N, C-alpha and C. Protein backbone atom coordinates (compact mmCIF):
# COMPACT_ATOMS: atom_id res chain seq x y z
N MET A 1 21.85 19.05 -28.31
CA MET A 1 20.80 19.62 -27.63
C MET A 1 19.71 18.56 -27.68
N ARG A 2 19.15 18.22 -26.51
CA ARG A 2 18.05 17.16 -26.50
C ARG A 2 16.73 17.92 -26.77
N VAL A 3 15.97 17.46 -27.63
CA VAL A 3 14.57 18.10 -27.86
C VAL A 3 13.51 17.46 -26.98
N THR A 4 12.75 18.19 -26.51
CA THR A 4 11.60 17.88 -25.51
C THR A 4 10.36 18.19 -26.22
N LYS A 5 9.25 17.69 -25.75
CA LYS A 5 7.81 18.11 -26.10
C LYS A 5 7.73 19.57 -25.88
N THR A 6 8.26 20.10 -24.77
CA THR A 6 8.09 21.50 -24.44
C THR A 6 8.82 22.31 -25.56
N ALA A 7 10.03 21.98 -25.80
CA ALA A 7 10.69 22.67 -26.84
C ALA A 7 10.02 22.71 -28.27
N VAL A 8 9.38 21.55 -28.62
CA VAL A 8 8.60 21.50 -29.81
C VAL A 8 7.50 22.37 -29.79
N VAL A 9 6.75 22.39 -28.72
CA VAL A 9 5.55 23.31 -28.58
C VAL A 9 6.12 24.84 -28.63
N GLN A 10 7.17 25.05 -27.94
CA GLN A 10 7.65 26.40 -27.81
C GLN A 10 8.12 26.90 -29.37
N ALA A 11 8.84 26.09 -30.07
CA ALA A 11 9.32 26.49 -31.33
C ALA A 11 8.07 26.68 -32.27
N ALA A 12 7.10 25.85 -32.15
CA ALA A 12 5.88 26.09 -33.00
C ALA A 12 5.26 27.35 -32.57
N SER A 13 5.10 27.62 -31.40
CA SER A 13 4.59 28.88 -30.81
C SER A 13 5.35 30.03 -31.32
N ASP A 14 6.60 29.97 -31.31
CA ASP A 14 7.54 31.12 -31.74
C ASP A 14 7.32 31.31 -33.29
N ILE A 15 7.00 30.37 -34.07
CA ILE A 15 6.81 30.55 -35.40
C ILE A 15 5.56 31.16 -35.59
N ALA A 16 4.43 30.64 -35.01
CA ALA A 16 3.08 31.35 -35.05
C ALA A 16 3.11 32.76 -34.71
N ASP A 17 3.77 33.25 -33.60
CA ASP A 17 3.79 34.54 -33.18
C ASP A 17 4.68 35.38 -34.21
N GLU A 18 5.74 34.85 -34.86
CA GLU A 18 6.55 35.55 -35.67
C GLU A 18 6.02 35.64 -37.17
N LYS A 19 5.42 34.54 -37.64
CA LYS A 19 5.06 34.43 -38.92
C LYS A 19 3.50 34.19 -39.38
N GLY A 20 2.74 33.92 -38.22
CA GLY A 20 1.34 33.53 -38.40
C GLY A 20 1.19 32.10 -38.29
N LEU A 21 -0.06 31.68 -37.89
CA LEU A 21 -0.41 30.23 -37.75
C LEU A 21 -0.23 29.47 -39.25
N ASN A 22 -0.47 30.10 -40.29
CA ASN A 22 -0.48 29.43 -41.61
C ASN A 22 0.99 28.99 -41.88
N ASN A 23 2.01 29.50 -41.15
CA ASN A 23 3.46 29.21 -41.47
C ASN A 23 3.86 28.10 -40.45
N VAL A 24 2.99 27.65 -39.50
CA VAL A 24 3.45 26.52 -38.76
C VAL A 24 3.14 25.17 -39.36
N SER A 25 4.30 24.56 -39.69
CA SER A 25 4.30 23.18 -40.18
C SER A 25 5.34 22.40 -39.38
N LEU A 26 5.21 21.00 -39.58
CA LEU A 26 6.04 20.15 -39.01
C LEU A 26 7.48 20.45 -39.57
N LYS A 27 7.55 20.61 -40.78
CA LYS A 27 8.91 20.94 -41.41
C LYS A 27 9.57 22.11 -40.82
N ALA A 28 8.72 23.22 -40.68
CA ALA A 28 9.24 24.57 -40.13
C ALA A 28 9.65 24.27 -38.77
N VAL A 29 8.98 23.60 -37.91
CA VAL A 29 9.34 23.31 -36.55
C VAL A 29 10.71 22.58 -36.53
N ALA A 30 10.76 21.52 -37.25
CA ALA A 30 11.92 20.70 -37.32
C ALA A 30 13.14 21.51 -37.66
N GLU A 31 12.94 22.44 -38.82
CA GLU A 31 14.08 23.20 -39.08
C GLU A 31 14.50 24.20 -37.98
N LYS A 32 13.59 24.74 -37.28
CA LYS A 32 13.73 25.64 -36.10
C LYS A 32 14.66 25.00 -35.12
N LEU A 33 14.27 23.73 -34.89
CA LEU A 33 15.04 22.73 -33.86
C LEU A 33 16.24 22.15 -34.36
N ASN A 34 16.48 22.30 -35.63
CA ASN A 34 17.73 21.57 -36.30
C ASN A 34 17.59 20.30 -36.02
N ILE A 35 16.46 19.66 -36.38
CA ILE A 35 16.26 18.13 -36.36
C ILE A 35 15.45 17.70 -37.68
N ARG A 36 15.49 16.53 -37.95
CA ARG A 36 14.54 16.00 -39.08
C ARG A 36 13.18 16.00 -38.67
N THR A 37 12.39 16.19 -39.57
CA THR A 37 10.76 16.07 -39.42
C THR A 37 10.35 14.84 -38.64
N PRO A 38 10.69 13.60 -39.10
CA PRO A 38 10.29 12.41 -38.44
C PRO A 38 10.57 12.41 -36.90
N SER A 39 11.53 13.17 -36.45
CA SER A 39 12.02 13.16 -35.08
C SER A 39 10.97 13.74 -34.13
N LEU A 40 10.05 14.61 -34.76
CA LEU A 40 8.99 15.16 -34.04
C LEU A 40 7.94 14.25 -33.54
N TYR A 41 7.77 13.32 -34.30
CA TYR A 41 6.78 12.17 -33.80
C TYR A 41 7.17 11.49 -32.45
N ASN A 42 8.39 11.74 -32.08
CA ASN A 42 8.79 11.10 -30.73
C ASN A 42 7.96 12.05 -29.72
N HIS A 43 7.52 13.19 -30.07
CA HIS A 43 6.98 14.16 -29.03
C HIS A 43 5.48 14.45 -29.28
N ILE A 44 5.04 14.36 -30.51
CA ILE A 44 3.65 14.61 -30.93
C ILE A 44 3.15 13.73 -31.90
N ASP A 45 1.79 13.56 -32.02
CA ASP A 45 1.14 12.66 -33.04
C ASP A 45 0.88 13.14 -34.34
N SER A 46 0.68 14.37 -34.33
CA SER A 46 0.41 15.06 -35.74
C SER A 46 0.40 16.61 -35.63
N LEU A 47 0.23 17.30 -36.73
CA LEU A 47 0.19 18.70 -36.68
C LEU A 47 -1.00 19.29 -35.90
N ASP A 48 -2.05 18.61 -36.04
CA ASP A 48 -3.24 19.04 -35.21
C ASP A 48 -2.80 18.80 -33.65
N ASP A 49 -2.29 17.75 -33.28
CA ASP A 49 -1.86 17.54 -31.95
C ASP A 49 -1.00 18.74 -31.40
N LEU A 50 0.00 19.11 -32.26
CA LEU A 50 0.81 20.13 -31.98
C LEU A 50 0.12 21.48 -31.77
N LEU A 51 -0.78 21.71 -32.68
CA LEU A 51 -1.62 22.88 -32.63
C LEU A 51 -2.41 23.01 -31.33
N ARG A 52 -3.04 21.82 -31.00
CA ARG A 52 -3.81 21.85 -29.75
C ARG A 52 -2.85 22.11 -28.43
N GLU A 53 -1.68 21.45 -28.53
CA GLU A 53 -0.71 21.70 -27.43
C GLU A 53 -0.34 23.18 -27.36
N MET A 54 -0.31 23.85 -28.41
CA MET A 54 0.14 25.25 -28.51
C MET A 54 -1.02 26.11 -27.91
N ALA A 55 -2.21 25.64 -28.42
CA ALA A 55 -3.39 26.47 -27.92
C ALA A 55 -3.59 26.25 -26.33
N HIS A 56 -3.42 24.97 -25.86
CA HIS A 56 -3.69 24.87 -24.58
C HIS A 56 -2.71 25.52 -23.61
N ASN A 57 -1.35 25.47 -24.10
CA ASN A 57 -0.30 26.21 -23.48
C ASN A 57 -0.68 27.69 -23.42
N GLY A 58 -1.03 28.21 -24.54
CA GLY A 58 -1.45 29.65 -24.60
C GLY A 58 -2.65 30.08 -23.79
N MET A 59 -3.71 29.18 -23.92
CA MET A 59 -4.85 29.56 -23.10
C MET A 59 -4.64 29.48 -21.67
N SER A 60 -3.78 28.73 -21.19
CA SER A 60 -3.37 28.49 -19.78
C SER A 60 -2.68 29.68 -19.32
N LYS A 61 -1.59 30.23 -20.08
CA LYS A 61 -0.84 31.31 -19.79
C LYS A 61 -1.74 32.53 -19.77
N MET A 62 -2.74 32.70 -20.85
CA MET A 62 -3.57 33.78 -20.81
C MET A 62 -4.39 33.78 -19.64
N ASN A 63 -5.01 32.61 -19.23
CA ASN A 63 -5.88 32.67 -17.99
C ASN A 63 -5.03 32.99 -16.81
N GLU A 64 -3.76 32.67 -16.61
CA GLU A 64 -2.87 32.99 -15.60
C GLU A 64 -2.75 34.56 -15.49
N ARG A 65 -2.40 35.15 -16.61
CA ARG A 65 -2.17 36.59 -16.73
C ARG A 65 -3.40 37.26 -16.30
N MET A 66 -4.63 36.90 -16.80
CA MET A 66 -5.89 37.63 -16.62
C MET A 66 -6.25 37.38 -15.02
N THR A 67 -5.99 36.20 -14.41
CA THR A 67 -6.25 35.96 -13.12
C THR A 67 -5.45 36.79 -12.29
N LYS A 68 -4.08 37.00 -12.54
CA LYS A 68 -3.15 37.77 -11.80
C LYS A 68 -3.64 39.26 -11.70
N VAL A 69 -4.03 39.73 -12.85
CA VAL A 69 -4.41 41.28 -12.86
C VAL A 69 -5.77 41.42 -12.14
N SER A 70 -6.53 40.36 -11.99
CA SER A 70 -7.78 40.64 -11.28
C SER A 70 -7.80 40.66 -9.79
N ILE A 71 -6.63 40.08 -9.32
CA ILE A 71 -6.55 39.91 -7.94
C ILE A 71 -6.38 41.29 -7.26
N GLY A 72 -7.26 41.39 -6.12
CA GLY A 72 -7.55 42.65 -5.40
C GLY A 72 -8.37 43.52 -5.95
N ASN A 73 -9.05 43.28 -7.04
CA ASN A 73 -10.13 44.18 -7.86
C ASN A 73 -11.31 43.28 -7.80
N TYR A 74 -12.39 44.04 -7.87
CA TYR A 74 -13.72 43.47 -8.17
C TYR A 74 -14.54 44.40 -8.99
N GLY A 75 -15.69 43.81 -9.44
CA GLY A 75 -16.64 44.52 -10.17
C GLY A 75 -16.09 45.13 -11.49
N ASP A 76 -16.54 46.30 -11.90
CA ASP A 76 -16.06 46.98 -13.17
C ASP A 76 -14.58 47.00 -13.36
N THR A 77 -13.87 47.45 -12.18
CA THR A 77 -12.43 47.63 -12.36
C THR A 77 -11.64 46.27 -12.62
N ALA A 78 -12.21 45.18 -12.11
CA ALA A 78 -11.76 43.79 -12.43
C ALA A 78 -11.93 43.48 -13.83
N ILE A 79 -13.03 43.67 -14.26
CA ILE A 79 -13.52 43.29 -15.68
C ILE A 79 -12.66 44.13 -16.67
N LYS A 80 -12.45 45.51 -16.37
CA LYS A 80 -11.71 46.24 -17.25
C LYS A 80 -10.16 45.87 -17.30
N SER A 81 -9.64 45.43 -16.17
CA SER A 81 -8.20 45.07 -16.09
C SER A 81 -8.10 43.64 -16.81
N VAL A 82 -9.04 42.82 -16.65
CA VAL A 82 -8.86 41.57 -17.39
C VAL A 82 -9.12 41.73 -18.89
N ALA A 83 -9.87 42.59 -19.30
CA ALA A 83 -10.13 42.95 -20.70
C ALA A 83 -8.84 43.43 -21.44
N VAL A 84 -8.18 44.38 -20.46
CA VAL A 84 -6.95 44.97 -21.14
C VAL A 84 -5.88 43.93 -21.21
N GLU A 85 -5.72 42.89 -20.13
CA GLU A 85 -4.78 41.88 -20.20
C GLU A 85 -5.05 40.95 -21.43
N TYR A 86 -6.38 40.70 -21.71
CA TYR A 86 -6.78 39.79 -22.80
C TYR A 86 -6.14 40.42 -24.05
N LEU A 87 -6.33 41.72 -24.26
CA LEU A 87 -5.72 42.30 -25.37
C LEU A 87 -4.21 42.35 -25.45
N ASN A 88 -3.59 42.59 -24.24
CA ASN A 88 -2.19 42.65 -24.13
C ASN A 88 -1.69 41.30 -24.69
N TYR A 89 -2.27 40.17 -24.11
CA TYR A 89 -1.82 38.85 -24.50
C TYR A 89 -1.85 38.54 -26.00
N THR A 90 -2.97 39.13 -26.69
CA THR A 90 -3.26 38.84 -28.07
C THR A 90 -2.29 39.73 -28.90
N ILE A 91 -1.82 40.87 -28.37
CA ILE A 91 -0.85 41.66 -29.07
C ILE A 91 0.57 41.01 -28.90
N GLU A 92 0.92 40.47 -27.75
CA GLU A 92 2.18 39.89 -27.66
C GLU A 92 2.23 38.47 -28.33
N HIS A 93 1.10 37.93 -28.44
CA HIS A 93 1.08 36.51 -28.95
C HIS A 93 -0.05 36.20 -30.08
N SER A 94 0.08 37.00 -30.99
CA SER A 94 -0.84 37.04 -31.96
C SER A 94 -1.12 35.62 -32.61
N GLY A 95 0.00 34.99 -32.88
CA GLY A 95 -0.13 33.60 -33.58
C GLY A 95 -0.59 32.58 -32.57
N ILE A 96 -0.30 32.73 -31.35
CA ILE A 96 -0.96 31.70 -30.31
C ILE A 96 -2.45 32.11 -30.28
N TYR A 97 -2.73 33.37 -30.34
CA TYR A 97 -4.22 33.62 -30.14
C TYR A 97 -4.94 33.04 -31.35
N GLU A 98 -4.33 33.19 -32.52
CA GLU A 98 -5.02 32.58 -33.76
C GLU A 98 -5.16 30.98 -33.49
N THR A 99 -4.06 30.48 -32.91
CA THR A 99 -4.12 28.98 -32.65
C THR A 99 -5.25 28.76 -31.61
N ILE A 100 -5.28 29.43 -30.58
CA ILE A 100 -6.51 29.34 -29.69
C ILE A 100 -7.83 29.24 -30.39
N GLN A 101 -7.97 30.28 -31.28
CA GLN A 101 -9.17 30.31 -32.06
C GLN A 101 -9.52 29.09 -32.85
N TRP A 102 -8.44 28.52 -33.41
CA TRP A 102 -8.48 27.29 -34.21
C TRP A 102 -8.87 26.14 -33.23
N ALA A 103 -8.41 26.17 -32.00
CA ALA A 103 -8.57 24.95 -31.14
C ALA A 103 -10.11 25.00 -30.69
N THR A 104 -10.77 26.24 -30.72
CA THR A 104 -12.14 26.25 -30.19
C THR A 104 -12.97 25.37 -31.26
N TRP A 105 -12.53 25.10 -32.31
CA TRP A 105 -13.32 24.28 -33.37
C TRP A 105 -12.77 22.87 -33.35
N HIS A 106 -11.44 22.83 -33.03
CA HIS A 106 -10.80 21.47 -33.13
C HIS A 106 -10.36 20.84 -31.81
N GLY A 107 -10.83 21.35 -30.73
CA GLY A 107 -10.35 20.93 -29.50
C GLY A 107 -10.85 19.68 -28.91
N THR A 108 -10.49 19.49 -27.70
CA THR A 108 -10.62 18.16 -26.99
C THR A 108 -11.29 18.53 -25.60
N GLU A 109 -11.41 17.57 -24.72
CA GLU A 109 -11.99 17.78 -23.42
C GLU A 109 -11.07 18.75 -22.58
N LYS A 110 -9.79 18.56 -22.96
CA LYS A 110 -8.77 19.43 -22.20
C LYS A 110 -8.99 21.01 -22.62
N THR A 111 -9.43 21.14 -23.93
CA THR A 111 -9.46 22.39 -24.49
C THR A 111 -10.73 23.06 -23.72
N GLU A 112 -11.81 22.28 -23.61
CA GLU A 112 -12.96 22.69 -22.76
C GLU A 112 -12.74 23.12 -21.45
N GLU A 113 -11.88 22.17 -20.89
CA GLU A 113 -11.56 22.53 -19.54
C GLU A 113 -10.80 23.86 -19.23
N ILE A 114 -9.88 24.07 -20.11
CA ILE A 114 -8.96 25.28 -20.09
C ILE A 114 -10.10 26.40 -20.26
N PHE A 115 -10.81 26.38 -21.43
CA PHE A 115 -11.78 27.49 -21.68
C PHE A 115 -12.80 27.55 -20.53
N GLY A 116 -13.08 26.61 -19.77
CA GLY A 116 -13.99 26.74 -18.73
C GLY A 116 -13.29 27.48 -17.68
N ASN A 117 -12.03 27.44 -17.43
CA ASN A 117 -11.30 28.19 -16.45
C ASN A 117 -11.42 29.90 -16.74
N TYR A 118 -11.39 30.00 -17.88
CA TYR A 118 -11.58 31.37 -18.58
C TYR A 118 -12.87 32.00 -18.23
N THR A 119 -14.03 31.16 -18.56
CA THR A 119 -15.31 31.57 -18.35
C THR A 119 -15.61 31.64 -16.78
N SER A 120 -15.07 30.72 -15.96
CA SER A 120 -15.10 30.84 -14.69
C SER A 120 -14.61 32.12 -13.99
N LEU A 121 -13.56 32.56 -14.43
CA LEU A 121 -12.98 33.82 -13.95
C LEU A 121 -13.82 34.98 -14.32
N LEU A 122 -14.27 34.95 -15.60
CA LEU A 122 -15.20 36.07 -15.96
C LEU A 122 -16.51 35.95 -15.18
N LEU A 123 -17.06 34.82 -14.99
CA LEU A 123 -18.32 34.68 -14.19
C LEU A 123 -18.03 35.25 -12.63
N THR A 124 -16.85 34.90 -12.13
CA THR A 124 -16.65 35.36 -10.71
C THR A 124 -16.68 36.92 -10.80
N LEU A 125 -15.98 37.47 -11.88
CA LEU A 125 -16.01 38.97 -11.96
C LEU A 125 -17.36 39.58 -12.10
N ILE A 126 -18.15 38.98 -12.98
CA ILE A 126 -19.62 39.43 -13.23
C ILE A 126 -20.37 39.25 -11.90
N ARG A 127 -20.14 38.29 -11.09
CA ARG A 127 -20.87 38.06 -9.85
C ARG A 127 -20.44 39.16 -8.97
N SER A 128 -19.25 39.68 -9.06
CA SER A 128 -18.83 40.71 -8.03
C SER A 128 -19.40 42.03 -8.26
N CYS A 129 -20.07 42.01 -9.40
CA CYS A 129 -20.93 43.33 -9.64
C CYS A 129 -22.30 43.31 -9.11
N ASN A 130 -22.63 42.14 -8.54
CA ASN A 130 -23.94 42.19 -7.90
C ASN A 130 -25.13 42.08 -8.85
N PHE A 131 -24.91 41.61 -10.04
CA PHE A 131 -26.05 41.46 -10.97
C PHE A 131 -27.00 40.36 -10.43
N LYS A 132 -28.30 40.38 -10.83
CA LYS A 132 -29.23 39.28 -10.59
C LYS A 132 -28.48 37.98 -11.19
N GLN A 133 -28.60 36.94 -10.53
CA GLN A 133 -28.00 35.65 -10.80
C GLN A 133 -28.55 35.08 -12.16
N GLU A 134 -29.85 35.42 -12.35
CA GLU A 134 -30.56 34.91 -13.53
C GLU A 134 -30.00 35.46 -14.91
N TYR A 135 -29.30 36.69 -14.76
CA TYR A 135 -28.75 37.23 -15.97
C TYR A 135 -27.23 37.02 -16.26
N THR A 136 -26.56 36.36 -15.34
CA THR A 136 -25.17 36.05 -15.32
C THR A 136 -24.70 35.49 -16.69
N ASN A 137 -25.37 34.61 -17.19
CA ASN A 137 -24.81 33.97 -18.41
C ASN A 137 -25.17 34.94 -19.71
N GLU A 138 -26.08 35.59 -19.61
CA GLU A 138 -26.39 36.60 -20.66
C GLU A 138 -25.24 37.57 -20.67
N ILE A 139 -24.88 38.07 -19.45
CA ILE A 139 -23.82 39.08 -19.40
C ILE A 139 -22.42 38.45 -19.79
N LEU A 140 -22.24 37.18 -19.40
CA LEU A 140 -21.05 36.52 -19.86
C LEU A 140 -20.93 36.45 -21.41
N ASN A 141 -22.05 36.17 -21.99
CA ASN A 141 -21.96 36.17 -23.55
C ASN A 141 -21.71 37.52 -24.10
N LEU A 142 -22.25 38.57 -23.48
CA LEU A 142 -21.89 39.99 -23.94
C LEU A 142 -20.38 40.28 -23.74
N LEU A 143 -19.99 39.89 -22.56
CA LEU A 143 -18.55 40.30 -22.29
C LEU A 143 -17.62 39.50 -23.04
N THR A 144 -17.92 38.27 -23.24
CA THR A 144 -16.92 37.35 -24.21
C THR A 144 -17.00 37.75 -25.53
N SER A 145 -18.30 38.18 -26.03
CA SER A 145 -18.29 38.69 -27.48
C SER A 145 -17.60 39.93 -27.68
N ILE A 146 -17.63 40.88 -26.70
CA ILE A 146 -16.87 42.06 -27.02
C ILE A 146 -15.40 41.89 -26.89
N LEU A 147 -14.98 41.00 -26.01
CA LEU A 147 -13.51 40.81 -25.77
C LEU A 147 -12.92 40.06 -27.02
N HIS A 148 -13.54 39.05 -27.45
CA HIS A 148 -13.13 38.39 -28.69
C HIS A 148 -13.23 39.28 -29.99
N GLY A 149 -14.44 39.83 -30.05
CA GLY A 149 -14.74 40.55 -31.30
C GLY A 149 -13.91 41.84 -31.39
N TYR A 150 -13.81 42.58 -30.37
CA TYR A 150 -12.97 43.85 -30.41
C TYR A 150 -11.54 43.53 -30.66
N THR A 151 -10.97 42.51 -29.98
CA THR A 151 -9.70 42.19 -30.07
C THR A 151 -9.24 41.64 -31.49
N THR A 152 -10.04 40.79 -32.08
CA THR A 152 -9.94 40.31 -33.34
C THR A 152 -10.01 41.41 -34.50
N LEU A 153 -10.93 42.33 -34.20
CA LEU A 153 -10.99 43.51 -35.30
C LEU A 153 -9.92 44.45 -35.11
N GLN A 154 -9.52 44.74 -33.95
CA GLN A 154 -8.53 45.78 -33.71
C GLN A 154 -7.02 45.26 -33.68
N LEU A 155 -6.81 43.94 -33.83
CA LEU A 155 -5.44 43.43 -33.58
C LEU A 155 -4.42 44.12 -34.56
N ARG A 156 -4.85 44.19 -35.79
CA ARG A 156 -3.99 44.76 -36.83
C ARG A 156 -3.56 46.26 -36.51
N TYR A 157 -4.48 47.00 -35.79
CA TYR A 157 -4.16 48.24 -35.42
C TYR A 157 -3.20 48.36 -34.18
N ALA A 158 -3.38 47.37 -33.36
CA ALA A 158 -2.60 47.25 -31.94
C ALA A 158 -1.19 47.21 -32.26
N PHE A 159 -0.68 46.66 -33.32
CA PHE A 159 0.78 46.51 -33.52
C PHE A 159 1.28 48.05 -33.66
N SER A 160 0.53 48.85 -34.30
CA SER A 160 1.15 50.11 -34.60
C SER A 160 0.79 51.22 -33.61
N ASP A 161 -0.27 51.11 -32.76
CA ASP A 161 -0.58 52.03 -31.68
C ASP A 161 -1.26 51.23 -30.66
N PRO A 162 -0.61 50.41 -29.92
CA PRO A 162 -1.19 49.61 -28.95
C PRO A 162 -1.91 50.49 -27.68
N ASP A 163 -1.31 51.56 -27.33
CA ASP A 163 -2.01 52.36 -26.26
C ASP A 163 -3.31 52.89 -26.74
N LYS A 164 -3.32 53.45 -28.05
CA LYS A 164 -4.66 53.82 -28.59
C LYS A 164 -5.73 52.87 -28.43
N VAL A 165 -5.23 51.46 -28.93
CA VAL A 165 -6.18 50.39 -29.06
C VAL A 165 -6.70 50.02 -27.63
N ARG A 166 -5.82 50.07 -26.55
CA ARG A 166 -6.14 49.76 -25.19
C ARG A 166 -6.95 50.73 -24.65
N LYS A 167 -6.81 52.13 -24.98
CA LYS A 167 -7.80 53.10 -24.66
C LYS A 167 -9.12 52.82 -25.19
N GLU A 168 -9.24 52.61 -26.48
CA GLU A 168 -10.50 52.42 -27.01
C GLU A 168 -11.14 51.07 -26.48
N LEU A 169 -10.45 50.09 -26.23
CA LEU A 169 -11.04 48.82 -25.57
C LEU A 169 -11.74 49.31 -24.12
N CYS A 170 -10.93 50.07 -23.48
CA CYS A 170 -11.45 50.59 -22.15
C CYS A 170 -12.87 51.26 -22.32
N ASN A 171 -12.80 52.14 -23.43
CA ASN A 171 -14.05 52.95 -23.59
C ASN A 171 -15.21 51.97 -23.97
N ALA A 172 -14.89 51.00 -24.91
CA ALA A 172 -15.94 50.11 -25.24
C ALA A 172 -16.40 49.19 -23.97
N ILE A 173 -15.57 48.93 -23.09
CA ILE A 173 -15.79 48.11 -22.00
C ILE A 173 -16.62 48.97 -21.09
N ASP A 174 -16.34 50.20 -20.95
CA ASP A 174 -17.09 51.19 -20.11
C ASP A 174 -18.55 51.33 -20.60
N THR A 175 -18.69 51.45 -21.93
CA THR A 175 -19.91 51.54 -22.52
C THR A 175 -20.80 50.26 -22.41
N LEU A 176 -20.19 49.06 -22.53
CA LEU A 176 -20.79 47.89 -22.37
C LEU A 176 -21.21 47.75 -20.87
N LEU A 177 -20.40 48.11 -19.90
CA LEU A 177 -20.72 47.97 -18.42
C LEU A 177 -21.71 49.05 -18.21
N LEU A 178 -21.79 50.16 -18.77
CA LEU A 178 -23.03 51.21 -18.51
C LEU A 178 -24.23 50.47 -18.95
N GLY A 179 -24.33 50.02 -20.18
CA GLY A 179 -25.40 49.36 -20.58
C GLY A 179 -25.95 48.18 -19.68
N ILE A 180 -24.96 47.34 -19.31
CA ILE A 180 -25.33 46.27 -18.52
C ILE A 180 -25.86 46.59 -17.19
N HIS A 181 -25.22 47.67 -16.49
CA HIS A 181 -25.75 48.12 -15.27
C HIS A 181 -27.13 48.69 -15.46
N GLN A 182 -27.37 49.45 -16.40
CA GLN A 182 -28.71 50.03 -16.76
C GLN A 182 -29.71 48.88 -16.87
N LYS A 183 -29.41 47.83 -17.56
CA LYS A 183 -30.29 46.78 -17.73
C LYS A 183 -30.44 45.84 -16.66
N TYR A 184 -29.38 45.40 -16.02
CA TYR A 184 -29.37 44.22 -15.12
C TYR A 184 -29.14 44.62 -13.70
N ASP A 185 -28.89 45.79 -13.37
CA ASP A 185 -28.63 46.08 -11.86
C ASP A 185 -29.89 45.72 -11.07
N GLN A 186 -29.59 45.27 -9.86
CA GLN A 186 -30.67 44.78 -9.05
C GLN A 186 -31.53 45.94 -8.50
């Protein structure tokens, strides 16, 4: 079997999702691929490089999924569908989500670019609600805070009862949107 960079990143991602980010090591990835650890350096520069690649891949896939569920929707409906998809991704890929959070502190220009795609999607959805332009960034900060905060706090419960956590997220988003509309509607 020929090992590629894609295979190395996927093996590391699988380990993160199965066992958590703390269990991702070059040795563990090499064992999963049935190769010697030094062979990994043909594809990556370091463990940090591998973690960033995992995060970039995960962020891109998460963005694609959120964009896909927003198509054909606008306003509050689109925001809620994207919020649920954000949660769905974190439930399915909790280790990669953890890696994405690590990358926000240890990222590169590419990390910022991919994160920019995420915020761009949210800004587009916020604008579809027809709020005053001057409040867009404030609303973006509120929305991203609740998405990340709620997901992080509830993730451990989402594995045992994902439908309940999705419903509660929708209620939290409804409450947030109600407050935002009361404060920021034109």
